[in-house]
Amino acid sequence: MTARIPVPTEDQEQAAFITWCDAVAARRWPSLAVAGVFGILAIPNGGARSAITGARMRRTGTRAGVPDLLLPAPRHGCPGLWIEMKRVKGGVVSDQQGKWIEHLQRHGYRAVVVRGCAEAIKAVEEYLR
């Protein structure tokens, strides 16, 4: 009987991707570094929160379905790259996420769904080439 290797969570995949961005991407594309860190940022929409915190976040502009990450760097006529991170196995794009991705694409952004850290790295490298 072989041991099953657990599939990393979306948070683990995203953390690995951000580690790559800060370590590798910041050196490869120094013009995108902000204070020595690659200029990608997370949109903290996910995660469990209390009802009070959720209500406060909605009141101050948090929107369900917004992709997880934004690279605000114009390339190829796009004002930026939005990334919706999913785990390698499992993870489904919600209706709201799909609507946001379509909306962003209609308005000129590159918006992609990636499955895991490796696909996120590939998406950034392709976008910045």
N, C-alpha and C. Protein backbone atom coordinates (compact mmCIF):
# COMPACT_ATOMS: atom_id res chain seq x y z
N MET A 1 0.84 -1.18 0.00
CA MET A 1 0.00 0.00 0.00
C MET A 1 0.89 1.25 0.00
N THR A 2 0.66 2.14 -0.96
CA THR A 2 1.45 3.36 -1.04
C THR A 2 0.74 4.49 -0.30
N ALA A 3 1.54 5.34 0.30
CA ALA A 3 0.99 6.49 1.01
C ALA A 3 0.52 7.52 0.00
N ARG A 4 -0.62 8.10 0.28
CA ARG A 4 -1.15 9.15 -0.60
C ARG A 4 -0.56 10.49 -0.19
N ILE A 5 -0.06 11.21 -1.18
CA ILE A 5 0.48 12.54 -0.93
C ILE A 5 -0.68 13.52 -0.99
N PRO A 6 -0.86 14.29 0.08
CA PRO A 6 -1.99 15.22 0.07
C PRO A 6 -1.81 16.31 -0.98
N VAL A 7 -2.91 16.71 -1.58
CA VAL A 7 -2.90 17.81 -2.56
C VAL A 7 -2.78 19.12 -1.77
N PRO A 8 -1.81 19.97 -2.12
CA PRO A 8 -1.69 21.24 -1.41
C PRO A 8 -2.98 22.06 -1.51
N THR A 9 -3.26 22.81 -0.47
CA THR A 9 -4.43 23.68 -0.46
C THR A 9 -4.19 24.88 -1.38
N GLU A 10 -5.25 25.60 -1.68
CA GLU A 10 -5.11 26.82 -2.48
C GLU A 10 -4.20 27.81 -1.78
N ASP A 11 -4.34 27.95 -0.47
CA ASP A 11 -3.47 28.86 0.29
C ASP A 11 -2.01 28.45 0.19
N GLN A 12 -1.72 27.16 0.28
CA GLN A 12 -0.34 26.69 0.17
C GLN A 12 0.22 26.97 -1.23
N GLU A 13 -0.59 26.73 -2.26
CA GLU A 13 -0.15 27.01 -3.63
C GLU A 13 0.11 28.50 -3.81
N GLN A 14 -0.78 29.33 -3.30
CA GLN A 14 -0.61 30.77 -3.44
C GLN A 14 0.61 31.26 -2.66
N ALA A 15 0.83 30.73 -1.48
CA ALA A 15 2.01 31.11 -0.69
C ALA A 15 3.30 30.73 -1.42
N ALA A 16 3.33 29.55 -2.02
CA ALA A 16 4.51 29.13 -2.79
C ALA A 16 4.73 30.07 -3.98
N PHE A 17 3.66 30.47 -4.64
CA PHE A 17 3.76 31.38 -5.77
C PHE A 17 4.30 32.75 -5.33
N ILE A 18 3.79 33.28 -4.23
CA ILE A 18 4.26 34.57 -3.74
C ILE A 18 5.73 34.48 -3.33
N THR A 19 6.13 33.37 -2.75
CA THR A 19 7.55 33.17 -2.41
C THR A 19 8.39 33.23 -3.68
N TRP A 20 7.93 32.59 -4.76
CA TRP A 20 8.65 32.65 -6.04
C TRP A 20 8.70 34.09 -6.54
N CYS A 21 7.57 34.79 -6.48
CA CYS A 21 7.54 36.18 -6.95
C CYS A 21 8.56 37.03 -6.20
N ASP A 22 8.59 36.90 -4.89
CA ASP A 22 9.49 37.72 -4.09
C ASP A 22 10.95 37.34 -4.28
N ALA A 23 11.23 36.06 -4.54
CA ALA A 23 12.61 35.60 -4.65
C ALA A 23 13.14 35.66 -6.08
N VAL A 24 12.34 35.24 -7.04
CA VAL A 24 12.82 35.10 -8.41
C VAL A 24 12.34 36.24 -9.30
N ALA A 25 11.05 36.46 -9.30
CA ALA A 25 10.47 37.44 -10.22
C ALA A 25 11.00 38.85 -9.94
N ALA A 26 11.21 39.19 -8.68
CA ALA A 26 11.71 40.52 -8.35
C ALA A 26 13.10 40.76 -8.94
N ARG A 27 13.91 39.70 -9.06
CA ARG A 27 15.23 39.84 -9.70
C ARG A 27 15.12 39.85 -11.22
N ARG A 28 14.19 39.05 -11.76
CA ARG A 28 14.05 38.93 -13.21
C ARG A 28 13.43 40.19 -13.82
N TRP A 29 12.49 40.82 -13.11
CA TRP A 29 11.82 42.02 -13.60
C TRP A 29 11.93 43.11 -12.53
N PRO A 30 13.12 43.67 -12.31
CA PRO A 30 13.31 44.63 -11.22
C PRO A 30 12.46 45.89 -11.36
N SER A 31 12.08 46.24 -12.58
CA SER A 31 11.25 47.44 -12.75
C SER A 31 9.87 47.27 -12.12
N LEU A 32 9.48 46.03 -11.85
CA LEU A 32 8.17 45.78 -11.24
C LEU A 32 8.25 45.65 -9.72
N ALA A 33 9.45 45.74 -9.17
CA ALA A 33 9.61 45.59 -7.73
C ALA A 33 9.18 46.88 -7.03
N VAL A 34 8.48 46.71 -5.93
CA VAL A 34 8.07 47.82 -5.09
C VAL A 34 8.72 47.57 -3.73
N ALA A 35 9.58 48.48 -3.30
CA ALA A 35 10.30 48.32 -2.04
C ALA A 35 11.02 46.97 -1.97
N GLY A 36 11.60 46.57 -3.10
CA GLY A 36 12.37 45.34 -3.14
C GLY A 36 11.55 44.07 -3.27
N VAL A 37 10.24 44.19 -3.37
CA VAL A 37 9.36 43.03 -3.48
C VAL A 37 8.61 43.12 -4.81
N PHE A 38 8.46 41.98 -5.48
CA PHE A 38 7.75 41.95 -6.75
C PHE A 38 6.37 42.55 -6.56
N GLY A 39 5.91 43.36 -7.50
CA GLY A 39 4.70 44.16 -7.35
C GLY A 39 3.38 43.45 -7.52
N ILE A 40 3.30 42.18 -7.16
CA ILE A 40 2.02 41.48 -7.22
C ILE A 40 1.36 41.59 -5.85
N LEU A 41 0.05 41.64 -5.82
CA LEU A 41 -0.63 41.76 -4.53
C LEU A 41 -1.83 40.83 -4.47
N ALA A 42 -2.14 40.43 -3.25
CA ALA A 42 -3.28 39.55 -3.01
C ALA A 42 -4.52 40.38 -2.68
N ILE A 43 -5.65 39.88 -3.13
CA ILE A 43 -6.94 40.48 -2.80
C ILE A 43 -7.57 39.58 -1.73
N PRO A 44 -7.63 40.02 -0.49
CA PRO A 44 -8.04 39.12 0.60
C PRO A 44 -9.56 38.91 0.69
N ASN A 45 -10.11 38.25 -0.31
CA ASN A 45 -11.56 38.01 -0.31
C ASN A 45 -11.95 36.70 0.35
N GLY A 46 -11.08 35.71 0.30
CA GLY A 46 -11.44 34.38 0.78
C GLY A 46 -11.27 34.23 2.28
N GLY A 47 -11.59 33.05 2.76
CA GLY A 47 -11.37 32.73 4.15
C GLY A 47 -12.60 32.90 5.02
N ALA A 48 -12.58 32.20 6.13
CA ALA A 48 -13.70 32.25 7.08
C ALA A 48 -13.58 33.52 7.92
N ARG A 49 -14.70 34.18 8.11
CA ARG A 49 -14.74 35.40 8.90
C ARG A 49 -16.03 35.42 9.70
N SER A 50 -16.03 36.20 10.73
CA SER A 50 -17.27 36.37 11.50
C SER A 50 -18.26 37.18 10.65
N ALA A 51 -19.52 37.11 11.01
CA ALA A 51 -20.55 37.86 10.29
C ALA A 51 -20.28 39.36 10.38
N ILE A 52 -19.80 39.82 11.51
CA ILE A 52 -19.53 41.24 11.70
C ILE A 52 -18.38 41.68 10.79
N THR A 53 -17.31 40.89 10.76
CA THR A 53 -16.18 41.22 9.89
C THR A 53 -16.59 41.19 8.42
N GLY A 54 -17.36 40.17 8.02
CA GLY A 54 -17.84 40.07 6.65
C GLY A 54 -18.67 41.28 6.26
N ALA A 55 -19.56 41.70 7.14
CA ALA A 55 -20.41 42.87 6.85
C ALA A 55 -19.55 44.13 6.72
N ARG A 56 -18.56 44.30 7.59
CA ARG A 56 -17.68 45.47 7.52
C ARG A 56 -16.89 45.46 6.21
N MET A 57 -16.41 44.27 5.81
CA MET A 57 -15.64 44.19 4.57
C MET A 57 -16.51 44.52 3.36
N ARG A 58 -17.74 44.03 3.32
CA ARG A 58 -18.64 44.36 2.21
C ARG A 58 -18.94 45.86 2.20
N ARG A 59 -19.14 46.43 3.38
CA ARG A 59 -19.44 47.85 3.49
C ARG A 59 -18.27 48.71 2.99
N THR A 60 -17.06 48.21 3.13
CA THR A 60 -15.89 48.98 2.72
C THR A 60 -15.35 48.58 1.35
N GLY A 61 -16.12 47.78 0.60
CA GLY A 61 -15.79 47.55 -0.80
C GLY A 61 -15.35 46.16 -1.21
N THR A 62 -15.28 45.22 -0.29
CA THR A 62 -14.93 43.86 -0.68
C THR A 62 -16.04 43.29 -1.55
N ARG A 63 -15.66 42.66 -2.66
CA ARG A 63 -16.64 42.10 -3.60
C ARG A 63 -16.37 40.62 -3.80
N ALA A 64 -17.41 39.83 -3.66
CA ALA A 64 -17.30 38.38 -3.86
C ALA A 64 -16.90 38.10 -5.30
N GLY A 65 -16.00 37.13 -5.47
CA GLY A 65 -15.63 36.67 -6.79
C GLY A 65 -14.43 37.35 -7.42
N VAL A 66 -13.95 38.44 -6.82
CA VAL A 66 -12.78 39.12 -7.38
C VAL A 66 -11.60 38.14 -7.34
N PRO A 67 -10.81 38.06 -8.43
CA PRO A 67 -9.68 37.14 -8.44
C PRO A 67 -8.70 37.37 -7.28
N ASP A 68 -7.93 36.36 -6.98
CA ASP A 68 -7.06 36.34 -5.80
C ASP A 68 -5.87 37.29 -5.88
N LEU A 69 -5.32 37.49 -7.07
CA LEU A 69 -4.06 38.22 -7.21
C LEU A 69 -4.13 39.22 -8.36
N LEU A 70 -3.40 40.32 -8.20
CA LEU A 70 -3.30 41.33 -9.25
C LEU A 70 -1.85 41.71 -9.44
N LEU A 71 -1.41 41.70 -10.69
CA LEU A 71 -0.12 42.25 -11.07
C LEU A 71 -0.41 43.51 -11.88
N PRO A 72 -0.31 44.69 -11.24
CA PRO A 72 -0.66 45.94 -11.92
C PRO A 72 0.49 46.44 -12.79
N ALA A 73 0.75 45.70 -13.87
CA ALA A 73 1.85 46.03 -14.77
C ALA A 73 1.35 45.97 -16.20
N PRO A 74 1.27 47.10 -16.89
CA PRO A 74 0.79 47.09 -18.26
C PRO A 74 1.73 46.32 -19.19
N ARG A 75 1.16 45.45 -20.00
CA ARG A 75 1.90 44.70 -21.01
C ARG A 75 0.95 44.34 -22.14
N HIS A 76 1.46 44.34 -23.36
CA HIS A 76 0.69 43.87 -24.53
C HIS A 76 -0.67 44.54 -24.65
N GLY A 77 -0.77 45.79 -24.27
CA GLY A 77 -2.03 46.50 -24.35
C GLY A 77 -2.98 46.21 -23.19
N CYS A 78 -2.56 45.38 -22.24
CA CYS A 78 -3.38 45.07 -21.06
C CYS A 78 -2.91 45.95 -19.89
N PRO A 79 -3.83 46.48 -19.10
CA PRO A 79 -3.41 47.29 -17.96
C PRO A 79 -2.88 46.46 -16.79
N GLY A 80 -3.11 45.14 -16.80
CA GLY A 80 -2.63 44.32 -15.71
C GLY A 80 -3.10 42.88 -15.86
N LEU A 81 -2.57 42.03 -14.99
CA LEU A 81 -2.88 40.61 -14.98
C LEU A 81 -3.57 40.25 -13.67
N TRP A 82 -4.75 39.67 -13.78
CA TRP A 82 -5.49 39.14 -12.63
C TRP A 82 -5.39 37.62 -12.65
N ILE A 83 -5.17 37.04 -11.47
CA ILE A 83 -5.02 35.59 -11.36
C ILE A 83 -5.99 35.05 -10.32
N GLU A 84 -6.80 34.09 -10.74
CA GLU A 84 -7.65 33.33 -9.81
C GLU A 84 -6.93 32.01 -9.56
N MET A 85 -6.50 31.80 -8.33
CA MET A 85 -5.72 30.62 -7.96
C MET A 85 -6.66 29.50 -7.49
N LYS A 86 -6.42 28.32 -8.02
CA LYS A 86 -7.11 27.11 -7.57
C LYS A 86 -6.06 26.06 -7.23
N ARG A 87 -6.44 25.08 -6.45
CA ARG A 87 -5.49 24.00 -6.16
C ARG A 87 -5.36 23.12 -7.40
N VAL A 88 -4.32 22.32 -7.44
CA VAL A 88 -4.04 21.49 -8.62
C VAL A 88 -5.18 20.53 -8.89
N LYS A 89 -5.71 19.92 -7.86
CA LYS A 89 -6.88 19.03 -7.99
C LYS A 89 -7.98 19.60 -7.12
N GLY A 90 -9.17 19.64 -7.68
CA GLY A 90 -10.29 20.21 -6.93
C GLY A 90 -10.35 21.71 -7.15
N GLY A 91 -11.21 22.34 -6.44
CA GLY A 91 -11.36 23.78 -6.59
C GLY A 91 -12.16 24.11 -7.84
N VAL A 92 -13.22 24.82 -7.66
CA VAL A 92 -14.14 25.14 -8.75
C VAL A 92 -14.27 26.66 -8.84
N VAL A 93 -14.33 27.16 -10.05
CA VAL A 93 -14.57 28.58 -10.28
C VAL A 93 -16.06 28.84 -10.04
N SER A 94 -16.35 29.69 -9.10
CA SER A 94 -17.76 30.01 -8.79
C SER A 94 -18.35 30.86 -9.91
N ASP A 95 -19.67 30.95 -9.91
CA ASP A 95 -20.34 31.81 -10.90
C ASP A 95 -19.85 33.25 -10.77
N GLN A 96 -19.73 33.73 -9.54
CA GLN A 96 -19.27 35.11 -9.34
C GLN A 96 -17.84 35.29 -9.82
N GLN A 97 -16.98 34.32 -9.58
CA GLN A 97 -15.60 34.42 -10.07
C GLN A 97 -15.57 34.44 -11.59
N GLY A 98 -16.37 33.58 -12.21
CA GLY A 98 -16.44 33.57 -13.67
C GLY A 98 -16.92 34.89 -14.24
N LYS A 99 -17.91 35.50 -13.59
CA LYS A 99 -18.41 36.80 -14.05
C LYS A 99 -17.35 37.89 -13.91
N TRP A 100 -16.59 37.88 -12.81
CA TRP A 100 -15.52 38.85 -12.65
C TRP A 100 -14.45 38.67 -13.72
N ILE A 101 -14.06 37.42 -13.97
CA ILE A 101 -13.02 37.16 -14.98
C ILE A 101 -13.48 37.66 -16.34
N GLU A 102 -14.73 37.36 -16.72
CA GLU A 102 -15.27 37.84 -17.99
C GLU A 102 -15.30 39.37 -18.04
N HIS A 103 -15.72 39.99 -16.95
CA HIS A 103 -15.77 41.46 -16.87
C HIS A 103 -14.39 42.06 -17.06
N LEU A 104 -13.41 41.52 -16.36
CA LEU A 104 -12.05 42.04 -16.47
C LEU A 104 -11.49 41.87 -17.88
N GLN A 105 -11.75 40.73 -18.48
CA GLN A 105 -11.29 40.49 -19.86
C GLN A 105 -11.95 41.47 -20.84
N ARG A 106 -13.25 41.70 -20.67
CA ARG A 106 -13.95 42.65 -21.55
C ARG A 106 -13.35 44.06 -21.45
N HIS A 107 -12.77 44.37 -20.30
CA HIS A 107 -12.22 45.71 -20.08
C HIS A 107 -10.71 45.76 -20.29
N GLY A 108 -10.18 44.76 -21.00
CA GLY A 108 -8.81 44.82 -21.45
C GLY A 108 -7.76 44.16 -20.58
N TYR A 109 -8.15 43.65 -19.42
CA TYR A 109 -7.20 42.97 -18.56
C TYR A 109 -6.96 41.55 -19.04
N ARG A 110 -5.82 41.02 -18.72
CA ARG A 110 -5.62 39.58 -18.84
C ARG A 110 -6.09 39.02 -17.50
N ALA A 111 -7.01 38.08 -17.53
CA ALA A 111 -7.54 37.46 -16.32
C ALA A 111 -7.58 35.96 -16.56
N VAL A 112 -6.89 35.21 -15.68
CA VAL A 112 -6.73 33.78 -15.89
C VAL A 112 -7.05 33.01 -14.62
N VAL A 113 -7.44 31.75 -14.81
CA VAL A 113 -7.58 30.80 -13.71
C VAL A 113 -6.40 29.85 -13.83
N VAL A 114 -5.67 29.68 -12.74
CA VAL A 114 -4.54 28.76 -12.74
C VAL A 114 -4.77 27.68 -11.69
N ARG A 115 -4.19 26.53 -11.95
CA ARG A 115 -4.27 25.41 -11.01
C ARG A 115 -2.88 25.17 -10.46
N GLY A 116 -2.61 25.78 -9.32
CA GLY A 116 -1.36 25.58 -8.63
C GLY A 116 -0.29 26.61 -8.94
N CYS A 117 0.77 26.54 -8.16
CA CYS A 117 1.89 27.48 -8.25
C CYS A 117 2.55 27.44 -9.62
N ALA A 118 2.79 26.25 -10.17
CA ALA A 118 3.50 26.15 -11.45
C ALA A 118 2.73 26.85 -12.56
N GLU A 119 1.41 26.71 -12.61
CA GLU A 119 0.62 27.40 -13.64
C GLU A 119 0.63 28.91 -13.42
N ALA A 120 0.64 29.34 -12.16
CA ALA A 120 0.69 30.78 -11.87
C ALA A 120 2.01 31.37 -12.35
N ILE A 121 3.11 30.66 -12.11
CA ILE A 121 4.42 31.12 -12.58
C ILE A 121 4.41 31.22 -14.10
N LYS A 122 3.89 30.19 -14.76
CA LYS A 122 3.83 30.20 -16.23
C LYS A 122 3.00 31.39 -16.73
N ALA A 123 1.86 31.67 -16.08
CA ALA A 123 1.01 32.78 -16.50
C ALA A 123 1.75 34.11 -16.39
N VAL A 124 2.48 34.32 -15.30
CA VAL A 124 3.22 35.57 -15.12
C VAL A 124 4.35 35.67 -16.14
N GLU A 125 5.09 34.58 -16.33
CA GLU A 125 6.19 34.62 -17.29
C GLU A 125 5.68 34.90 -18.71
N GLU A 126 4.57 34.29 -19.11
CA GLU A 126 4.00 34.54 -20.43
C GLU A 126 3.51 35.98 -20.55
N TYR A 127 2.89 36.48 -19.50
CA TYR A 127 2.38 37.85 -19.54
C TYR A 127 3.50 38.86 -19.66
N LEU A 128 4.60 38.64 -18.94
CA LEU A 128 5.68 39.62 -18.91
C LEU A 128 6.67 39.49 -20.06
N ARG A 129 6.60 38.40 -20.82
CA ARG A 129 7.51 38.23 -21.96
C ARG A 129 7.25 39.26 -23.02
